[in-house]
Amino acid sequence: MLDFFKLIRYKNLLIIAITQYLMRYCIVNPILRISGFELQLDHFHFVLLVLSSVLITAAGYVINDYFDTKTDMLNRPDTVLVGINISRRQAMAIHILLNILGVGTGFYLSIKVGIFAIGLAYFLASGVLWFYSTTYKRQFLIGNLIVAVFTAMVPFIVVVFEVPLLNRVYREVLLQHNMNFNIILAWVGGFAIFAFLATLIREIIKDIEDFEGDMAFGRNTLPVVLGIKTTKTIVVAIIIVNVVLLIYVYLRYLLWMVNGRLDYITLLYFLICIVIPFIYLAFQTIRADTRVHYHRASNLTKLIMLSGVLYSVVAFFIINYTFQPA
């Protein structure tokens, strides 16, 4: 049983679930309550939403390990499960079952919100994850972008299901007062963009870490095609873009958010938990020259991503306790 949980990356799945709960209850719900609105997707169906995200992601991890066995035996032999502790037939069966449950739940939820195309998107996502493991992962940059997009969708899928229901229930009120829910899309979209860029950074660092194995098996990853030095430059450039965007968002939207006063809480959080770690990550990436160094940089990126998600808790307190009319 422990091997099964390792296979589906249970720690990552837990972070996915936590992220979606934080988006719903720390961002979406407080913003709605300020305007006198209420969540429309009931908790049972929201649990199904989280479950569908977890199931499809787990299926993606399984099929990725299924097709990556040879490469992983060279890059990280201690982590290989498929073909050793779990047979390839068992792994494929687990993948199929998880996919059926995840896509089926997604279709059911799409009917619930009245947008059948969302269900088709779940089916498409399942297919993309399959082709990612078999083909896209071996192609220049495409695999990195796919993983980054899927990570960005983790927080954003919460509003994809909630906003259509809100528009349907509050349609008359919205039309009468010329209102919309764009502020919710903007808030959660900000988390999604951060997740996209941070994931892209981590995926590229992981490619540098796996350079030898990818080179041996003919994979066209960034470090294989462009070289490690150029790839490091790209990583640092994306880090700079992420930091600049954080500064812009703070100065443009959050600076005076608290009753017309400077939001020092967000400033300190951004600096201590995100910006300074990003700067350290940039220097660590530049100086890295062994697999151990790159692995540490990859883990640091995960911590920065987690810090980005946990800012939603800070935002919750700002919105609920200090974002009030002066």
Foldseek 3Di string as FASTA:
>chain_A
DVLLCLQLVVVVLVLLLVLQVLLVPLFVQLVQVVVPHHFDQDPVLVVLVSLLLSLLSSLLSLLLLLLCVVLCCVQPVVSRCDVPVHDSVRSVVSSVVSLCSNLVSQCVLCVVLVHNVSSVVSVVLSVVSNCLSVPQVLAEPRNLQNVLQSQLVSNVVSCVSGQSSVCVVCVVVCVVVVHGDVVSNVVSNVLSVLSSLLSSLLVLLVCVLSVVSSCVVNRPYCCNPPNLQVSLVVSLVSLVVSLVVLVCCCVPPNQLQFQRHGPVVSVVLCVPQANVLSVVLSVLSNPDDHSVSSVVSSVSSVSNSSSSSCVSNVSSCRSPPGRDHD
